[in-house]
Amino acid sequence: MRTDLLASKIGKTDDWLIAGNLVTTIPQKINPLSVLPIKIPLRVFADIGTYAEAWDRDADVDRILFDIGLQIPLFDETINIYIPIIYSKVYSTYFKSTIPENRFLKTISFSINFFTKELKKLNRELEF
């Protein structure tokens, strides 16, 4: 999660940081996207982390930061759309203060993976 508009960036550190990311697929039987004519998997993701400054004695931020939501992988996981649903308190407060309207749509993010199996095959066949 980006917190660019905060005076002190949450999760920014010069010391240490630890984070974990979990992803699991929702079974096809209960996947609401299974009604579509093309197969689109639906996943649940969770990001959790902490950093040095959160453990200082005078720190007034949450020690553990997290977000949990849905991931939609498209085109053999080349494009991934992340829809966060639950956040730690600091993220929730940040979004409410910086994004007053249409907050849900503005928190959706995506990633592009240029190293999928299909693109690796294509890359081997191209000459530069």
N, C-alpha and C. Protein backbone atom coordinates (compact mmCIF):
# COMPACT_ATOMS: atom_id res chain seq x y z
N MET A 1 0.84 -1.18 0.00
CA MET A 1 0.00 0.00 0.00
C MET A 1 0.88 1.24 0.00
N ARG A 2 0.55 2.14 -0.88
CA ARG A 2 1.30 3.40 -0.93
C ARG A 2 0.68 4.40 0.04
N THR A 3 1.52 5.13 0.75
CA THR A 3 1.06 6.16 1.67
C THR A 3 1.81 7.46 1.38
N ASP A 4 1.88 7.83 0.13
CA ASP A 4 2.65 8.99 -0.31
C ASP A 4 2.23 10.31 0.32
N LEU A 5 0.97 10.45 0.65
CA LEU A 5 0.48 11.73 1.13
C LEU A 5 0.62 11.92 2.64
N LEU A 6 1.13 10.93 3.34
CA LEU A 6 1.36 11.07 4.77
C LEU A 6 2.70 11.78 5.00
N ALA A 7 2.78 12.57 6.07
CA ALA A 7 4.03 13.27 6.39
C ALA A 7 5.14 12.25 6.66
N SER A 8 4.85 11.25 7.46
CA SER A 8 5.82 10.17 7.67
C SER A 8 5.24 8.91 7.04
N LYS A 9 5.93 8.40 6.08
CA LYS A 9 5.44 7.24 5.32
C LYS A 9 5.35 6.01 6.22
N ILE A 10 4.21 5.39 6.23
CA ILE A 10 4.02 4.17 6.99
C ILE A 10 4.77 3.04 6.30
N GLY A 11 5.56 2.30 7.06
CA GLY A 11 6.30 1.19 6.49
C GLY A 11 7.65 1.57 5.92
N LYS A 12 7.99 2.85 5.90
CA LYS A 12 9.29 3.30 5.40
C LYS A 12 10.32 3.13 6.50
N THR A 13 11.47 2.57 6.16
CA THR A 13 12.48 2.32 7.17
C THR A 13 13.87 2.30 6.54
N ASP A 14 14.86 2.66 7.35
CA ASP A 14 16.26 2.51 6.95
C ASP A 14 16.90 1.35 7.71
N ASP A 15 16.14 0.69 8.57
CA ASP A 15 16.68 -0.39 9.40
C ASP A 15 16.28 -1.76 8.86
N TRP A 16 15.11 -2.24 9.26
CA TRP A 16 14.67 -3.57 8.82
C TRP A 16 13.18 -3.56 8.56
N LEU A 17 12.79 -4.50 7.75
CA LEU A 17 11.39 -4.66 7.36
C LEU A 17 11.18 -6.14 7.07
N ILE A 18 10.06 -6.66 7.47
CA ILE A 18 9.72 -8.05 7.15
C ILE A 18 8.28 -8.09 6.67
N ALA A 19 8.05 -8.86 5.61
CA ALA A 19 6.70 -8.94 5.04
C ALA A 19 6.47 -10.33 4.48
N GLY A 20 5.22 -10.69 4.44
CA GLY A 20 4.82 -11.96 3.84
C GLY A 20 3.59 -11.76 2.98
N ASN A 21 3.51 -12.52 1.93
CA ASN A 21 2.38 -12.44 1.01
C ASN A 21 1.84 -13.85 0.81
N LEU A 22 0.55 -14.00 0.98
CA LEU A 22 -0.10 -15.30 0.80
C LEU A 22 -1.17 -15.18 -0.27
N VAL A 23 -1.30 -16.23 -1.08
CA VAL A 23 -2.35 -16.28 -2.10
C VAL A 23 -2.89 -17.69 -2.15
N THR A 24 -4.20 -17.82 -2.22
CA THR A 24 -4.82 -19.12 -2.39
C THR A 24 -5.99 -19.00 -3.36
N THR A 25 -6.21 -20.04 -4.12
CA THR A 25 -7.27 -20.03 -5.12
C THR A 25 -8.60 -20.41 -4.47
N ILE A 26 -9.65 -19.71 -4.84
CA ILE A 26 -11.00 -20.06 -4.41
C ILE A 26 -11.47 -21.22 -5.28
N PRO A 27 -11.97 -22.29 -4.68
CA PRO A 27 -12.42 -23.44 -5.48
C PRO A 27 -13.45 -23.04 -6.54
N GLN A 28 -13.37 -23.67 -7.69
CA GLN A 28 -14.24 -23.34 -8.83
C GLN A 28 -15.71 -23.47 -8.46
N LYS A 29 -16.04 -24.40 -7.56
CA LYS A 29 -17.44 -24.62 -7.17
C LYS A 29 -18.06 -23.38 -6.51
N ILE A 30 -17.25 -22.57 -5.82
CA ILE A 30 -17.80 -21.39 -5.15
C ILE A 30 -17.28 -20.09 -5.75
N ASN A 31 -16.56 -20.18 -6.85
CA ASN A 31 -16.05 -19.00 -7.54
C ASN A 31 -17.20 -18.29 -8.26
N PRO A 32 -17.53 -17.05 -7.87
CA PRO A 32 -18.63 -16.35 -8.53
C PRO A 32 -18.33 -16.03 -10.00
N LEU A 33 -17.06 -16.05 -10.40
CA LEU A 33 -16.70 -15.78 -11.79
C LEU A 33 -16.89 -17.00 -12.69
N SER A 34 -17.22 -18.14 -12.09
CA SER A 34 -17.39 -19.37 -12.89
C SER A 34 -18.62 -19.31 -13.80
N VAL A 35 -19.50 -18.34 -13.61
CA VAL A 35 -20.67 -18.21 -14.48
C VAL A 35 -20.31 -17.55 -15.81
N LEU A 36 -19.13 -17.00 -15.92
CA LEU A 36 -18.70 -16.36 -17.16
C LEU A 36 -18.34 -17.41 -18.21
N PRO A 37 -18.43 -17.07 -19.48
CA PRO A 37 -18.13 -18.05 -20.53
C PRO A 37 -16.64 -18.43 -20.62
N ILE A 38 -15.77 -17.59 -20.08
CA ILE A 38 -14.34 -17.95 -20.05
C ILE A 38 -13.93 -18.24 -18.61
N LYS A 39 -12.95 -19.08 -18.45
CA LYS A 39 -12.51 -19.48 -17.11
C LYS A 39 -11.57 -18.41 -16.55
N ILE A 40 -12.00 -17.79 -15.46
CA ILE A 40 -11.18 -16.81 -14.75
C ILE A 40 -11.09 -17.26 -13.30
N PRO A 41 -9.88 -17.61 -12.86
CA PRO A 41 -9.75 -18.01 -11.46
C PRO A 41 -9.90 -16.80 -10.53
N LEU A 42 -10.30 -17.06 -9.32
CA LEU A 42 -10.43 -16.02 -8.31
C LEU A 42 -9.61 -16.45 -7.12
N ARG A 43 -8.83 -15.55 -6.58
CA ARG A 43 -7.95 -15.89 -5.47
C ARG A 43 -8.15 -14.91 -4.31
N VAL A 44 -7.76 -15.35 -3.14
CA VAL A 44 -7.73 -14.50 -1.96
C VAL A 44 -6.26 -14.22 -1.68
N PHE A 45 -5.92 -12.95 -1.44
CA PHE A 45 -4.54 -12.61 -1.09
C PHE A 45 -4.50 -11.96 0.29
N ALA A 46 -3.35 -12.06 0.92
CA ALA A 46 -3.11 -11.40 2.20
C ALA A 46 -1.66 -10.94 2.23
N ASP A 47 -1.47 -9.68 2.56
CA ASP A 47 -0.14 -9.10 2.74
C ASP A 47 -0.04 -8.68 4.20
N ILE A 48 1.06 -9.04 4.84
CA ILE A 48 1.26 -8.68 6.24
C ILE A 48 2.72 -8.32 6.44
N GLY A 49 2.97 -7.30 7.26
CA GLY A 49 4.34 -6.90 7.47
C GLY A 49 4.51 -6.00 8.68
N THR A 50 5.76 -5.77 9.02
CA THR A 50 6.13 -4.85 10.09
C THR A 50 7.50 -4.28 9.78
N TYR A 51 7.90 -3.26 10.52
CA TYR A 51 9.17 -2.59 10.26
C TYR A 51 9.72 -2.02 11.56
N ALA A 52 10.99 -1.63 11.55
CA ALA A 52 11.71 -1.25 12.76
C ALA A 52 11.03 -0.13 13.55
N GLU A 53 10.66 0.96 12.89
CA GLU A 53 10.12 2.13 13.59
C GLU A 53 8.79 1.83 14.29
N ALA A 54 8.06 0.85 13.84
CA ALA A 54 6.79 0.49 14.49
C ALA A 54 7.02 -0.10 15.88
N TRP A 55 8.22 -0.56 16.16
CA TRP A 55 8.53 -1.18 17.44
C TRP A 55 9.26 -0.23 18.39
N ASP A 56 9.45 1.04 18.00
CA ASP A 56 10.03 2.03 18.91
C ASP A 56 9.08 2.26 20.08
N ARG A 57 9.64 2.61 21.25
CA ARG A 57 8.81 2.84 22.44
C ARG A 57 7.78 3.94 22.24
N ASP A 58 8.13 4.99 21.53
CA ASP A 58 7.22 6.13 21.36
C ASP A 58 6.43 6.06 20.06
N ALA A 59 6.42 4.93 19.40
CA ALA A 59 5.69 4.79 18.13
C ALA A 59 4.19 4.85 18.38
N ASP A 60 3.50 5.61 17.54
CA ASP A 60 2.05 5.72 17.66
C ASP A 60 1.33 5.10 16.46
N VAL A 61 1.98 4.13 15.81
CA VAL A 61 1.41 3.44 14.65
C VAL A 61 1.23 1.96 14.98
N ASP A 62 0.42 1.31 14.17
CA ASP A 62 0.23 -0.13 14.34
C ASP A 62 1.55 -0.85 14.10
N ARG A 63 1.83 -1.84 14.89
CA ARG A 63 3.06 -2.62 14.68
C ARG A 63 2.94 -3.57 13.50
N ILE A 64 1.76 -4.07 13.28
CA ILE A 64 1.53 -5.00 12.18
C ILE A 64 0.63 -4.31 11.15
N LEU A 65 1.09 -4.29 9.91
CA LEU A 65 0.31 -3.72 8.81
C LEU A 65 -0.18 -4.87 7.93
N PHE A 66 -1.41 -4.75 7.42
CA PHE A 66 -1.92 -5.83 6.57
C PHE A 66 -2.99 -5.32 5.63
N ASP A 67 -3.21 -6.08 4.59
CA ASP A 67 -4.37 -5.92 3.73
C ASP A 67 -4.74 -7.30 3.19
N ILE A 68 -6.04 -7.51 3.03
CA ILE A 68 -6.58 -8.79 2.57
C ILE A 68 -7.63 -8.48 1.51
N GLY A 69 -7.65 -9.27 0.47
CA GLY A 69 -8.63 -9.01 -0.57
C GLY A 69 -8.68 -10.09 -1.63
N LEU A 70 -9.19 -9.73 -2.79
CA LEU A 70 -9.35 -10.66 -3.91
C LEU A 70 -8.34 -10.34 -5.00
N GLN A 71 -7.86 -11.39 -5.64
CA GLN A 71 -6.94 -11.25 -6.77
C GLN A 71 -7.57 -11.93 -7.97
N ILE A 72 -7.54 -11.25 -9.10
CA ILE A 72 -8.04 -11.82 -10.35
C ILE A 72 -6.87 -11.92 -11.32
N PRO A 73 -6.35 -13.14 -11.54
CA PRO A 73 -5.25 -13.30 -12.51
C PRO A 73 -5.82 -13.46 -13.92
N LEU A 74 -5.27 -12.70 -14.86
CA LEU A 74 -5.74 -12.76 -16.24
C LEU A 74 -4.59 -13.12 -17.18
N PHE A 75 -4.92 -13.74 -18.29
CA PHE A 75 -3.94 -14.08 -19.33
C PHE A 75 -2.77 -14.89 -18.75
N ASP A 76 -3.12 -16.01 -18.12
CA ASP A 76 -2.12 -16.91 -17.54
C ASP A 76 -1.22 -16.17 -16.55
N GLU A 77 -1.83 -15.36 -15.71
CA GLU A 77 -1.18 -14.60 -14.65
C GLU A 77 -0.24 -13.51 -15.16
N THR A 78 -0.41 -13.09 -16.40
CA THR A 78 0.39 -11.98 -16.91
C THR A 78 -0.07 -10.67 -16.27
N ILE A 79 -1.37 -10.50 -16.12
CA ILE A 79 -1.94 -9.33 -15.45
C ILE A 79 -2.70 -9.81 -14.22
N ASN A 80 -2.45 -9.17 -13.09
CA ASN A 80 -3.14 -9.50 -11.85
C ASN A 80 -3.81 -8.24 -11.32
N ILE A 81 -5.09 -8.35 -11.00
CA ILE A 81 -5.85 -7.24 -10.43
C ILE A 81 -6.07 -7.56 -8.95
N TYR A 82 -5.77 -6.58 -8.10
CA TYR A 82 -5.89 -6.76 -6.65
C TYR A 82 -6.97 -5.83 -6.12
N ILE A 83 -7.94 -6.41 -5.43
CA ILE A 83 -9.05 -5.65 -4.87
C ILE A 83 -9.00 -5.81 -3.35
N PRO A 84 -8.39 -4.85 -2.65
CA PRO A 84 -8.32 -4.97 -1.19
C PRO A 84 -9.69 -4.76 -0.55
N ILE A 85 -9.97 -5.57 0.46
CA ILE A 85 -11.26 -5.49 1.13
C ILE A 85 -11.11 -5.12 2.61
N ILE A 86 -10.09 -5.68 3.25
CA ILE A 86 -9.84 -5.42 4.67
C ILE A 86 -8.42 -4.87 4.81
N TYR A 87 -8.28 -3.79 5.62
CA TYR A 87 -6.97 -3.18 5.84
C TYR A 87 -6.71 -3.05 7.34
N SER A 88 -5.45 -2.87 7.67
CA SER A 88 -5.12 -2.49 9.04
C SER A 88 -5.62 -1.06 9.28
N LYS A 89 -5.75 -0.68 10.52
CA LYS A 89 -6.35 0.60 10.89
C LYS A 89 -5.65 1.79 10.23
N VAL A 90 -4.34 1.77 10.17
CA VAL A 90 -3.60 2.91 9.61
C VAL A 90 -3.93 3.11 8.13
N TYR A 91 -4.09 2.03 7.38
CA TYR A 91 -4.46 2.16 5.97
C TYR A 91 -5.89 2.67 5.82
N SER A 92 -6.77 2.14 6.63
CA SER A 92 -8.17 2.58 6.57
C SER A 92 -8.29 4.07 6.85
N THR A 93 -7.61 4.53 7.89
CA THR A 93 -7.62 5.96 8.23
C THR A 93 -7.01 6.79 7.11
N TYR A 94 -5.93 6.31 6.54
CA TYR A 94 -5.26 7.02 5.45
C TYR A 94 -6.18 7.17 4.25
N PHE A 95 -6.84 6.08 3.84
CA PHE A 95 -7.74 6.15 2.69
C PHE A 95 -8.92 7.07 2.95
N LYS A 96 -9.47 7.01 4.14
CA LYS A 96 -10.61 7.88 4.46
C LYS A 96 -10.23 9.35 4.42
N SER A 97 -8.99 9.67 4.81
CA SER A 97 -8.57 11.08 4.84
C SER A 97 -8.10 11.59 3.48
N THR A 98 -7.59 10.71 2.62
CA THR A 98 -7.05 11.17 1.34
C THR A 98 -7.96 10.90 0.15
N ILE A 99 -8.86 9.95 0.28
CA ILE A 99 -9.78 9.61 -0.81
C ILE A 99 -11.21 9.66 -0.26
N PRO A 100 -11.82 10.83 -0.24
CA PRO A 100 -13.13 10.96 0.39
C PRO A 100 -14.27 10.28 -0.38
N GLU A 101 -14.17 10.19 -1.72
CA GLU A 101 -15.25 9.62 -2.52
C GLU A 101 -14.73 8.51 -3.42
N ASN A 102 -15.60 7.58 -3.77
CA ASN A 102 -15.25 6.46 -4.65
C ASN A 102 -13.97 5.75 -4.21
N ARG A 103 -13.82 5.59 -2.92
CA ARG A 103 -12.63 5.01 -2.34
C ARG A 103 -12.38 3.59 -2.82
N PHE A 104 -13.43 2.80 -2.95
CA PHE A 104 -13.26 1.40 -3.33
C PHE A 104 -12.55 1.27 -4.67
N LEU A 105 -13.00 1.98 -5.68
CA LEU A 105 -12.39 1.88 -7.00
C LEU A 105 -10.95 2.40 -7.03
N LYS A 106 -10.65 3.38 -6.22
CA LYS A 106 -9.32 3.99 -6.23
C LYS A 106 -8.28 3.19 -5.45
N THR A 107 -8.69 2.17 -4.72
CA THR A 107 -7.72 1.33 -4.00
C THR A 107 -7.37 0.07 -4.78
N ILE A 108 -8.05 -0.18 -5.88
CA ILE A 108 -7.74 -1.35 -6.71
C ILE A 108 -6.40 -1.11 -7.40
N SER A 109 -5.56 -2.14 -7.40
CA SER A 109 -4.26 -2.03 -8.05
C SER A 109 -4.05 -3.22 -8.98
N PHE A 110 -2.98 -3.18 -9.75
CA PHE A 110 -2.70 -4.27 -10.67
C PHE A 110 -1.19 -4.44 -10.81
N SER A 111 -0.81 -5.59 -11.34
CA SER A 111 0.59 -5.85 -11.65
C SER A 111 0.65 -6.53 -13.01
N ILE A 112 1.77 -6.33 -13.68
CA ILE A 112 2.02 -6.99 -14.96
C ILE A 112 3.27 -7.82 -14.81
N ASN A 113 3.17 -9.10 -15.11
CA ASN A 113 4.28 -10.03 -14.98
C ASN A 113 4.82 -10.35 -16.37
N PHE A 114 6.01 -9.88 -16.66
CA PHE A 114 6.62 -10.10 -17.97
C PHE A 114 7.39 -11.42 -18.04
N PHE A 115 7.32 -12.21 -16.98
CA PHE A 115 8.09 -13.44 -16.93
C PHE A 115 7.22 -14.68 -16.81
N THR A 116 6.04 -14.65 -17.40
CA THR A 116 5.19 -15.83 -17.42
C THR A 116 5.76 -16.84 -18.42
N LYS A 117 5.29 -18.06 -18.33
CA LYS A 117 5.79 -19.13 -19.21
C LYS A 117 5.64 -18.77 -20.69
N GLU A 118 4.49 -18.26 -21.07
CA GLU A 118 4.25 -17.94 -22.48
C GLU A 118 5.15 -16.81 -22.97
N LEU A 119 5.33 -15.80 -22.15
CA LEU A 119 6.18 -14.69 -22.57
C LEU A 119 7.65 -15.10 -22.60
N LYS A 120 8.05 -16.01 -21.73
CA LYS A 120 9.43 -16.51 -21.77
C LYS A 120 9.68 -17.24 -23.08
N LYS A 121 8.69 -18.04 -23.52
CA LYS A 121 8.83 -18.73 -24.81
C LYS A 121 8.95 -17.73 -25.95
N LEU A 122 8.11 -16.70 -25.93
CA LEU A 122 8.14 -15.69 -26.97
C LEU A 122 9.49 -14.95 -26.97
N ASN A 123 10.00 -14.66 -25.81
CA ASN A 123 11.26 -13.94 -25.67
C ASN A 123 12.42 -14.75 -26.29
N ARG A 124 12.41 -16.06 -26.13
CA ARG A 124 13.46 -16.90 -26.70
C ARG A 124 13.43 -16.90 -28.22
N GLU A 125 12.24 -16.69 -28.77
CA GLU A 125 12.11 -16.73 -30.22
C GLU A 125 12.41 -15.39 -30.89
N LEU A 126 12.45 -14.32 -30.12
CA LEU A 126 12.72 -13.00 -30.68
C LEU A 126 14.21 -12.72 -30.72
N GLU A 127 14.65 -12.05 -31.76
CA GLU A 127 16.04 -11.63 -31.85
C GLU A 127 16.11 -10.13 -31.76
N PHE A 128 17.04 -9.64 -30.99
CA PHE A 128 17.22 -8.20 -30.82
C PHE A 128 18.53 -7.76 -31.40
